[in-house]
């Protein structure tokens, strides 16, 4: 009986040692435009300071993983280009200064196949840990101005913070 007990304890110890396998740390893979890329909660205002849109702006990498260009989109893909704040296009970015801009960028908001509109984006800037979200979470801030060829002479300002995922934000 004692042998069975010793063998059982020995098997449990061997099983315990065999199951303690250590793994290395996972390597985090970032996109080519990190830390610019992401989803931002923005408020778009016109020249008079009137809020014309409050929702999301997304900055994402290009399919060729360029470090000098990225996509920017305000509004959903289904939104027509009739809205002044709807922009969707490939802009230039500078990762060393966390800035972005573009002139006469084809605006793909709305009907992509027949798009003839353009937008110009200036003063694009990301400030790491430069904003506090409504939940109190420290987040990155975003700021830029843009014009839309469908609405000549009007300049819009977008300002906000990186989306945190918290429901309060």
N, C-alpha and C. Protein backbone atom coordinates (compact mmCIF):
# COMPACT_ATOMS: atom_id res chain seq x y z
N UNK A 1 0.82 -1.18 0.00
CA UNK A 1 0.00 0.00 0.00
C UNK A 1 0.87 1.26 0.00
N UNK A 2 1.98 1.20 0.78
CA UNK A 2 2.87 2.36 0.83
C UNK A 2 3.51 2.60 -0.53
N UNK A 3 3.82 1.54 -1.27
CA UNK A 3 4.42 1.70 -2.58
C UNK A 3 3.47 2.43 -3.54
N UNK A 4 2.21 2.10 -3.48
CA UNK A 4 1.23 2.76 -4.35
C UNK A 4 1.17 4.25 -4.02
N UNK A 5 1.20 4.56 -2.73
CA UNK A 5 1.17 5.96 -2.32
C UNK A 5 2.42 6.69 -2.81
N UNK A 6 3.60 6.10 -2.65
CA UNK A 6 4.84 6.72 -3.11
C UNK A 6 4.84 6.89 -4.63
N UNK A 7 4.40 5.88 -5.33
CA UNK A 7 4.35 5.96 -6.79
C UNK A 7 3.38 7.05 -7.23
N UNK A 8 2.24 7.16 -6.56
CA UNK A 8 1.25 8.20 -6.89
C UNK A 8 1.84 9.59 -6.68
N UNK A 9 2.50 9.80 -5.55
CA UNK A 9 3.11 11.10 -5.26
C UNK A 9 4.21 11.40 -6.26
N UNK A 10 5.01 10.42 -6.58
CA UNK A 10 6.08 10.59 -7.55
C UNK A 10 5.52 10.95 -8.94
N UNK A 11 4.47 10.28 -9.36
CA UNK A 11 3.84 10.58 -10.65
C UNK A 11 3.27 12.00 -10.66
N UNK A 12 2.64 12.41 -9.58
CA UNK A 12 2.10 13.77 -9.50
C UNK A 12 3.21 14.81 -9.56
N UNK A 13 4.32 14.56 -8.88
CA UNK A 13 5.45 15.48 -8.93
C UNK A 13 6.04 15.55 -10.34
N UNK A 14 6.21 14.41 -10.98
CA UNK A 14 6.73 14.40 -12.35
C UNK A 14 5.78 15.13 -13.30
N UNK A 15 4.49 14.91 -13.13
CA UNK A 15 3.50 15.59 -13.96
C UNK A 15 3.56 17.10 -13.72
N UNK A 16 3.72 17.50 -12.47
CA UNK A 16 3.83 18.93 -12.14
C UNK A 16 5.05 19.57 -12.77
N UNK A 17 6.19 18.90 -12.71
CA UNK A 17 7.41 19.46 -13.31
C UNK A 17 7.32 19.51 -14.83
N UNK A 18 6.70 18.51 -15.42
CA UNK A 18 6.59 18.46 -16.88
C UNK A 18 5.64 19.53 -17.40
N UNK A 19 4.64 19.91 -16.60
CA UNK A 19 3.66 20.89 -17.07
C UNK A 19 4.12 22.33 -16.88
N UNK A 20 5.20 22.55 -16.19
CA UNK A 20 5.71 23.91 -15.97
C UNK A 20 6.62 24.32 -17.11
N UNK A 21 6.04 24.51 -18.26
CA UNK A 21 6.82 24.92 -19.42
C UNK A 21 6.83 26.44 -19.48
N UNK A 22 7.97 26.99 -19.73
CA UNK A 22 8.06 28.45 -19.81
C UNK A 22 8.12 28.88 -21.27
N UNK A 23 7.45 29.96 -21.54
CA UNK A 23 7.43 30.52 -22.89
C UNK A 23 8.04 31.90 -22.85
N UNK A 24 8.64 32.29 -23.93
CA UNK A 24 9.20 33.64 -24.03
C UNK A 24 8.08 34.66 -24.17
N UNK A 25 8.41 35.91 -24.00
CA UNK A 25 7.42 36.98 -24.16
C UNK A 25 7.01 37.08 -25.62
N UNK A 26 5.75 37.38 -25.80
CA UNK A 26 5.26 37.58 -27.16
C UNK A 26 5.78 38.90 -27.70
N UNK A 27 6.15 38.91 -28.95
CA UNK A 27 6.62 40.15 -29.56
C UNK A 27 5.42 40.88 -30.15
N UNK A 28 5.25 42.12 -29.76
CA UNK A 28 4.13 42.91 -30.24
C UNK A 28 4.47 43.45 -31.61
N UNK A 29 3.58 43.23 -32.55
CA UNK A 29 3.79 43.72 -33.91
C UNK A 29 2.94 44.97 -34.11
N UNK A 30 3.58 46.06 -34.45
CA UNK A 30 2.88 47.31 -34.70
C UNK A 30 2.77 47.54 -36.20
N UNK A 31 1.83 48.40 -36.59
CA UNK A 31 1.72 48.75 -38.01
C UNK A 31 2.90 49.64 -38.39
N UNK A 32 3.07 49.84 -39.67
CA UNK A 32 4.20 50.62 -40.16
C UNK A 32 4.12 52.09 -39.77
N UNK A 33 2.95 52.58 -39.41
CA UNK A 33 2.80 54.00 -39.06
C UNK A 33 2.60 54.21 -37.56
N UNK A 34 2.92 53.20 -36.76
CA UNK A 34 2.82 53.35 -35.31
C UNK A 34 3.74 54.48 -34.85
N UNK A 35 3.33 55.38 -34.00
CA UNK A 35 2.12 55.47 -33.20
C UNK A 35 1.03 56.38 -33.76
N UNK A 36 1.10 56.75 -35.04
CA UNK A 36 0.06 57.61 -35.62
C UNK A 36 -1.26 56.89 -35.77
N UNK A 37 -1.21 55.66 -36.21
CA UNK A 37 -2.42 54.93 -36.56
C UNK A 37 -3.34 54.70 -35.38
N UNK A 38 -4.64 54.67 -35.67
CA UNK A 38 -5.61 54.36 -34.64
C UNK A 38 -6.95 55.02 -34.90
N UNK A 39 -7.82 54.82 -33.93
CA UNK A 39 -9.17 55.37 -33.99
C UNK A 39 -9.24 56.53 -33.00
N UNK A 40 -9.73 57.65 -33.47
CA UNK A 40 -9.79 58.86 -32.65
C UNK A 40 -11.22 59.36 -32.56
N UNK A 41 -11.59 59.84 -31.42
CA UNK A 41 -12.90 60.49 -31.21
C UNK A 41 -12.66 61.96 -31.48
N UNK A 42 -13.34 62.52 -32.50
CA UNK A 42 -13.08 63.91 -32.88
C UNK A 42 -14.37 64.72 -32.94
N UNK A 43 -14.19 66.01 -32.76
CA UNK A 43 -15.25 66.99 -33.00
C UNK A 43 -14.76 67.85 -34.15
N UNK A 44 -15.58 67.96 -35.19
CA UNK A 44 -15.26 68.79 -36.35
C UNK A 44 -16.06 70.07 -36.24
N UNK A 45 -15.37 71.20 -36.34
CA UNK A 45 -16.03 72.51 -36.26
C UNK A 45 -15.75 73.30 -37.52
N UNK A 46 -16.70 74.18 -37.86
CA UNK A 46 -16.49 75.07 -39.00
C UNK A 46 -15.74 76.31 -38.55
N UNK A 47 -15.56 77.28 -39.47
CA UNK A 47 -14.78 78.48 -39.15
C UNK A 47 -15.39 79.30 -38.02
N UNK A 48 -16.71 79.23 -37.88
CA UNK A 48 -17.40 79.99 -36.83
C UNK A 48 -17.33 79.29 -35.48
N UNK A 49 -16.74 78.10 -35.44
CA UNK A 49 -16.64 77.35 -34.19
C UNK A 49 -17.85 76.48 -33.92
N UNK A 50 -18.76 76.38 -34.88
CA UNK A 50 -19.96 75.57 -34.72
C UNK A 50 -19.61 74.10 -34.98
N UNK A 51 -20.05 73.23 -34.08
CA UNK A 51 -19.80 71.80 -34.24
C UNK A 51 -20.65 71.27 -35.39
N UNK A 52 -20.00 70.62 -36.36
CA UNK A 52 -20.73 70.05 -37.49
C UNK A 52 -20.70 68.52 -37.47
N UNK A 53 -19.85 67.93 -36.65
CA UNK A 53 -19.74 66.48 -36.61
C UNK A 53 -19.01 66.06 -35.34
N UNK A 54 -19.51 64.98 -34.73
CA UNK A 54 -18.82 64.40 -33.58
C UNK A 54 -18.90 62.89 -33.74
N UNK A 55 -17.78 62.29 -34.02
CA UNK A 55 -17.74 60.85 -34.18
C UNK A 55 -16.29 60.41 -34.26
N UNK A 56 -15.98 59.50 -35.17
CA UNK A 56 -14.64 58.93 -35.22
C UNK A 56 -13.86 59.34 -36.46
N UNK A 57 -12.57 59.40 -36.28
CA UNK A 57 -11.60 59.60 -37.36
C UNK A 57 -10.64 58.43 -37.24
N UNK A 58 -10.35 57.80 -38.36
CA UNK A 58 -9.43 56.66 -38.33
C UNK A 58 -8.23 56.93 -39.21
N UNK A 59 -7.07 56.63 -38.67
CA UNK A 59 -5.82 56.72 -39.43
C UNK A 59 -5.26 55.30 -39.49
N UNK A 60 -5.00 54.83 -40.71
CA UNK A 60 -4.52 53.46 -40.86
C UNK A 60 -3.40 53.38 -41.88
N UNK A 61 -2.67 52.28 -41.82
CA UNK A 61 -1.53 52.10 -42.71
C UNK A 61 -2.00 51.74 -44.12
N UNK A 62 -1.11 51.91 -45.08
CA UNK A 62 -1.40 51.54 -46.46
C UNK A 62 -1.08 50.07 -46.67
N UNK A 63 -1.57 49.50 -47.75
CA UNK A 63 -1.36 48.07 -47.99
C UNK A 63 0.11 47.74 -48.25
N UNK A 64 0.89 48.72 -48.69
CA UNK A 64 2.32 48.46 -48.93
C UNK A 64 3.17 48.77 -47.70
N UNK A 65 2.51 49.01 -46.55
CA UNK A 65 3.20 49.28 -45.27
C UNK A 65 4.14 50.48 -45.36
N UNK A 66 3.72 51.51 -46.08
CA UNK A 66 4.53 52.72 -46.23
C UNK A 66 4.72 53.40 -44.88
N UNK A 67 5.88 53.98 -44.67
CA UNK A 67 6.16 54.76 -43.46
C UNK A 67 6.00 56.25 -43.71
N UNK A 68 5.67 56.62 -44.95
CA UNK A 68 5.52 58.04 -45.29
C UNK A 68 4.11 58.39 -45.75
N UNK A 69 3.22 57.41 -45.84
CA UNK A 69 1.84 57.67 -46.22
C UNK A 69 0.90 56.84 -45.36
N UNK A 70 -0.31 57.37 -45.17
CA UNK A 70 -1.32 56.65 -44.41
C UNK A 70 -2.70 57.06 -44.93
N UNK A 71 -3.70 56.30 -44.54
CA UNK A 71 -5.09 56.62 -44.89
C UNK A 71 -5.73 57.36 -43.73
N UNK A 72 -6.56 58.35 -44.06
CA UNK A 72 -7.35 59.03 -43.04
C UNK A 72 -8.81 58.99 -43.49
N UNK A 73 -9.70 58.76 -42.53
CA UNK A 73 -11.12 58.70 -42.85
C UNK A 73 -11.92 59.32 -41.71
N UNK A 74 -12.80 60.22 -42.08
CA UNK A 74 -13.79 60.75 -41.14
C UNK A 74 -15.14 60.37 -41.71
N UNK A 75 -15.96 59.74 -40.90
CA UNK A 75 -17.26 59.26 -41.37
C UNK A 75 -17.13 57.82 -41.83
N UNK A 76 -18.26 57.18 -42.05
CA UNK A 76 -18.24 55.79 -42.48
C UNK A 76 -18.09 55.70 -44.00
N UNK A 77 -17.76 54.51 -44.47
CA UNK A 77 -17.59 54.32 -45.91
C UNK A 77 -18.89 54.60 -46.66
N UNK A 78 -20.02 54.35 -46.01
CA UNK A 78 -21.30 54.51 -46.70
C UNK A 78 -21.76 55.96 -46.77
N UNK A 79 -21.14 56.85 -46.00
CA UNK A 79 -21.55 58.25 -46.05
C UNK A 79 -21.23 58.84 -47.41
N UNK A 80 -22.15 59.62 -47.89
CA UNK A 80 -21.89 60.25 -49.19
C UNK A 80 -20.90 61.38 -49.00
N UNK A 81 -20.27 61.77 -50.08
CA UNK A 81 -19.34 62.88 -50.04
C UNK A 81 -20.05 64.22 -49.92
N UNK A 82 -21.39 64.18 -49.79
CA UNK A 82 -22.15 65.42 -49.69
C UNK A 82 -21.91 66.14 -48.37
N UNK A 83 -21.45 65.42 -47.37
CA UNK A 83 -21.17 66.04 -46.08
C UNK A 83 -19.79 66.69 -46.11
N UNK A 84 -19.72 67.90 -45.59
CA UNK A 84 -18.46 68.64 -45.62
C UNK A 84 -17.37 67.93 -44.83
N UNK A 85 -17.74 67.23 -43.78
CA UNK A 85 -16.75 66.59 -42.91
C UNK A 85 -16.31 65.23 -43.43
N UNK A 86 -16.97 64.66 -44.43
CA UNK A 86 -16.62 63.33 -44.92
C UNK A 86 -15.36 63.38 -45.77
N UNK A 87 -14.29 62.80 -45.26
CA UNK A 87 -13.06 62.69 -46.04
C UNK A 87 -12.53 61.27 -45.93
N UNK A 88 -11.90 60.82 -46.99
CA UNK A 88 -11.31 59.49 -47.02
C UNK A 88 -10.24 59.51 -48.10
N UNK A 89 -8.98 59.48 -47.69
CA UNK A 89 -7.92 59.53 -48.69
C UNK A 89 -6.55 59.22 -48.11
N UNK A 90 -5.59 59.07 -49.00
CA UNK A 90 -4.22 58.74 -48.63
C UNK A 90 -3.42 60.03 -48.51
N UNK A 91 -2.86 60.26 -47.32
CA UNK A 91 -2.12 61.49 -47.03
C UNK A 91 -0.67 61.16 -46.69
N UNK A 92 0.15 62.19 -46.60
CA UNK A 92 1.55 62.03 -46.21
C UNK A 92 1.67 62.08 -44.70
N UNK A 93 2.62 61.35 -44.15
CA UNK A 93 2.84 61.39 -42.71
C UNK A 93 4.34 61.37 -42.42
N UNK A 94 4.69 61.92 -41.26
CA UNK A 94 6.08 61.97 -40.81
C UNK A 94 6.11 61.39 -39.40
N UNK A 95 6.62 60.19 -39.27
CA UNK A 95 6.62 59.51 -37.97
C UNK A 95 7.53 60.17 -36.95
N UNK A 96 8.59 60.82 -37.41
CA UNK A 96 9.53 61.44 -36.46
C UNK A 96 8.92 62.65 -35.76
N UNK A 97 8.02 63.36 -36.44
CA UNK A 97 7.38 64.54 -35.83
C UNK A 97 5.92 64.29 -35.49
N UNK A 98 5.43 63.08 -35.76
CA UNK A 98 4.03 62.71 -35.52
C UNK A 98 3.08 63.69 -36.19
N UNK A 99 3.38 64.02 -37.44
CA UNK A 99 2.56 64.98 -38.18
C UNK A 99 2.07 64.35 -39.48
N UNK A 100 1.04 64.97 -40.07
CA UNK A 100 0.50 64.48 -41.32
C UNK A 100 -0.17 65.62 -42.07
N UNK A 101 -0.21 65.50 -43.40
CA UNK A 101 -0.79 66.55 -44.24
C UNK A 101 -0.98 66.01 -45.66
N UNK A 102 -1.64 66.81 -46.48
CA UNK A 102 -1.81 66.44 -47.88
C UNK A 102 -2.55 67.51 -48.64
N UNK A 103 -2.19 67.73 -49.90
CA UNK A 103 -2.84 68.73 -50.74
C UNK A 103 -3.51 68.06 -51.93
N UNK A 104 -4.72 68.50 -52.21
CA UNK A 104 -5.49 67.98 -53.35
C UNK A 104 -5.54 66.46 -53.37
N UNK A 105 -5.90 65.88 -52.24
CA UNK A 105 -6.01 64.43 -52.09
C UNK A 105 -7.37 64.00 -52.63
N UNK A 106 -7.39 62.96 -53.45
CA UNK A 106 -8.67 62.47 -53.96
C UNK A 106 -9.53 62.01 -52.79
N UNK A 107 -10.74 62.57 -52.69
CA UNK A 107 -11.64 62.26 -51.59
C UNK A 107 -12.51 61.07 -51.98
N UNK A 108 -12.25 59.94 -51.38
CA UNK A 108 -12.97 58.71 -51.70
C UNK A 108 -14.19 58.50 -50.82
N UNK A 109 -14.62 59.50 -50.07
CA UNK A 109 -15.83 59.38 -49.26
C UNK A 109 -17.03 59.29 -50.18
N UNK A 110 -17.90 58.34 -49.91
CA UNK A 110 -19.08 58.18 -50.75
C UNK A 110 -18.81 57.24 -51.91
N UNK A 111 -19.17 57.64 -53.11
CA UNK A 111 -19.03 56.80 -54.30
C UNK A 111 -17.59 56.83 -54.81
N UNK A 112 -16.86 55.78 -54.52
CA UNK A 112 -15.44 55.71 -54.87
C UNK A 112 -15.23 55.68 -56.38
N UNK A 113 -16.12 55.01 -57.10
CA UNK A 113 -15.95 54.84 -58.54
C UNK A 113 -16.04 56.15 -59.31
N UNK A 114 -16.83 57.09 -58.80
CA UNK A 114 -17.02 58.33 -59.56
C UNK A 114 -16.55 59.56 -58.80
N UNK A 115 -15.65 59.38 -57.87
CA UNK A 115 -15.18 60.50 -57.05
C UNK A 115 -14.39 61.51 -57.88
N UNK A 116 -14.78 62.77 -57.78
CA UNK A 116 -14.04 63.85 -58.44
C UNK A 116 -13.64 64.92 -57.44
N UNK A 117 -14.00 64.71 -56.19
CA UNK A 117 -13.72 65.69 -55.14
C UNK A 117 -12.34 65.48 -54.56
N UNK A 118 -11.80 66.55 -54.00
CA UNK A 118 -10.51 66.48 -53.32
C UNK A 118 -10.62 67.16 -51.97
N UNK A 119 -9.64 66.92 -51.14
CA UNK A 119 -9.53 67.64 -49.87
C UNK A 119 -8.07 67.97 -49.62
N UNK A 120 -7.85 69.00 -48.83
CA UNK A 120 -6.51 69.39 -48.42
C UNK A 120 -6.48 69.39 -46.90
N UNK A 121 -5.50 68.73 -46.34
CA UNK A 121 -5.38 68.61 -44.89
C UNK A 121 -4.06 69.26 -44.47
N UNK A 122 -4.13 70.13 -43.47
CA UNK A 122 -2.92 70.82 -42.98
C UNK A 122 -2.85 70.75 -41.47
N UNK A 123 -1.68 71.04 -40.95
CA UNK A 123 -1.44 71.14 -39.50
C UNK A 123 -1.80 69.87 -38.74
N UNK A 124 -1.74 68.71 -39.38
CA UNK A 124 -2.06 67.46 -38.70
C UNK A 124 -1.00 67.12 -37.68
N UNK A 125 -1.43 66.84 -36.46
CA UNK A 125 -0.48 66.59 -35.38
C UNK A 125 -1.08 65.62 -34.36
N UNK A 126 -0.27 64.68 -33.91
CA UNK A 126 -0.61 63.79 -32.81
C UNK A 126 0.31 64.14 -31.66
N UNK A 127 -0.25 64.32 -30.48
CA UNK A 127 0.55 64.56 -29.28
C UNK A 127 0.33 63.37 -28.34
N UNK A 128 1.39 62.59 -28.14
CA UNK A 128 1.29 61.42 -27.28
C UNK A 128 0.98 61.85 -25.85
N UNK A 129 0.00 61.21 -25.27
CA UNK A 129 -0.46 61.49 -23.90
C UNK A 129 -0.83 62.96 -23.74
N UNK A 130 -1.40 63.55 -24.79
CA UNK A 130 -1.72 64.97 -24.79
C UNK A 130 -3.17 65.30 -24.51
N UNK A 131 -3.96 64.30 -24.16
CA UNK A 131 -5.38 64.55 -23.90
C UNK A 131 -5.86 63.69 -22.74
N UNK A 132 -6.91 64.14 -22.11
CA UNK A 132 -7.58 63.35 -21.09
C UNK A 132 -8.99 63.08 -21.57
N UNK A 133 -9.33 61.82 -21.74
CA UNK A 133 -10.65 61.43 -22.20
C UNK A 133 -11.68 61.67 -21.10
N UNK A 134 -12.97 61.71 -21.42
CA UNK A 134 -14.01 61.93 -20.41
C UNK A 134 -13.96 60.94 -19.24
N UNK A 135 -13.45 59.74 -19.46
CA UNK A 135 -13.34 58.75 -18.39
C UNK A 135 -12.19 59.06 -17.44
N UNK A 136 -11.36 60.04 -17.79
CA UNK A 136 -10.19 60.36 -16.98
C UNK A 136 -8.93 59.67 -17.46
N UNK A 137 -9.05 58.85 -18.47
CA UNK A 137 -7.91 58.12 -19.03
C UNK A 137 -7.04 59.06 -19.85
N UNK A 138 -5.74 59.01 -19.63
CA UNK A 138 -4.81 59.81 -20.43
C UNK A 138 -4.70 59.15 -21.80
N UNK A 139 -4.81 59.96 -22.84
CA UNK A 139 -4.84 59.46 -24.20
C UNK A 139 -4.03 60.38 -25.11
N UNK A 140 -3.83 59.97 -26.35
CA UNK A 140 -3.15 60.81 -27.33
C UNK A 140 -4.14 61.80 -27.92
N UNK A 141 -3.68 63.00 -28.22
CA UNK A 141 -4.57 64.00 -28.83
C UNK A 141 -4.28 64.10 -30.33
N UNK A 142 -5.29 64.55 -31.07
CA UNK A 142 -5.18 64.74 -32.51
C UNK A 142 -5.75 66.10 -32.85
N UNK A 143 -5.13 66.75 -33.85
CA UNK A 143 -5.60 68.05 -34.31
C UNK A 143 -5.22 68.20 -35.78
N UNK A 144 -6.15 68.71 -36.60
CA UNK A 144 -5.84 69.06 -37.98
C UNK A 144 -6.94 69.94 -38.55
N UNK A 145 -6.60 70.64 -39.62
CA UNK A 145 -7.58 71.44 -40.36
C UNK A 145 -7.67 70.87 -41.77
N UNK A 146 -8.84 71.04 -42.39
CA UNK A 146 -8.99 70.54 -43.75
C UNK A 146 -10.04 71.34 -44.51
N UNK A 147 -9.92 71.29 -45.82
CA UNK A 147 -10.90 71.87 -46.72
C UNK A 147 -11.39 70.77 -47.64
N UNK A 148 -12.61 70.94 -48.15
CA UNK A 148 -13.22 69.96 -49.03
C UNK A 148 -13.63 70.68 -50.31
N UNK A 149 -13.24 70.18 -51.47
CA UNK A 149 -13.51 70.87 -52.73
C UNK A 149 -15.01 71.01 -53.02
N UNK A 150 -15.83 70.20 -52.41
CA UNK A 150 -17.28 70.34 -52.59
C UNK A 150 -17.82 71.59 -51.91
N UNK A 151 -17.05 72.12 -50.97
CA UNK A 151 -17.46 73.30 -50.21
C UNK A 151 -16.32 74.32 -50.24
N UNK A 152 -16.10 74.97 -51.38
CA UNK A 152 -14.96 75.87 -51.53
C UNK A 152 -15.01 77.03 -50.54
N UNK A 153 -13.83 77.40 -50.04
CA UNK A 153 -13.73 78.53 -49.14
C UNK A 153 -14.04 78.23 -47.69
N UNK A 154 -14.42 77.01 -47.37
CA UNK A 154 -14.74 76.65 -45.98
C UNK A 154 -13.61 75.79 -45.42
N UNK A 155 -13.20 76.13 -44.23
CA UNK A 155 -12.15 75.38 -43.54
C UNK A 155 -12.74 74.77 -42.29
N UNK A 156 -12.40 73.52 -42.05
CA UNK A 156 -12.91 72.79 -40.89
C UNK A 156 -11.74 72.38 -40.00
N UNK A 157 -12.00 72.34 -38.71
CA UNK A 157 -10.99 71.94 -37.74
C UNK A 157 -11.47 70.68 -37.02
N UNK A 158 -10.62 69.68 -36.94
CA UNK A 158 -10.93 68.46 -36.21
C UNK A 158 -9.98 68.36 -35.02
N UNK A 159 -10.55 68.07 -33.87
CA UNK A 159 -9.75 67.96 -32.66
C UNK A 159 -10.35 66.88 -31.78
N UNK A 160 -9.49 66.08 -31.14
CA UNK A 160 -10.01 65.04 -30.28
C UNK A 160 -8.92 64.22 -29.62
N UNK A 161 -9.27 62.99 -29.29
CA UNK A 161 -8.37 62.11 -28.55
C UNK A 161 -8.49 60.69 -29.08
N UNK A 162 -7.46 59.90 -28.80
CA UNK A 162 -7.46 58.50 -29.23
C UNK A 162 -8.54 57.74 -28.47
N UNK A 163 -9.31 56.95 -29.20
CA UNK A 163 -10.38 56.14 -28.62
C UNK A 163 -9.80 55.16 -27.61
N UNK A 164 -10.40 55.13 -26.41
CA UNK A 164 -9.87 54.29 -25.34
C UNK A 164 -10.60 52.96 -25.20
N UNK A 165 -11.83 52.90 -25.69
CA UNK A 165 -12.62 51.69 -25.54
C UNK A 165 -13.53 51.73 -24.33
N UNK A 166 -13.34 52.68 -23.43
CA UNK A 166 -14.21 52.81 -22.27
C UNK A 166 -15.56 53.37 -22.71
N UNK A 167 -16.64 52.90 -22.12
CA UNK A 167 -17.98 53.34 -22.53
C UNK A 167 -18.19 54.82 -22.26
N UNK A 168 -17.53 55.39 -21.27
CA UNK A 168 -17.69 56.82 -20.95
C UNK A 168 -17.10 57.70 -22.04
N UNK A 169 -16.19 57.17 -22.80
CA UNK A 169 -15.51 57.97 -23.82
C UNK A 169 -16.26 57.90 -25.13
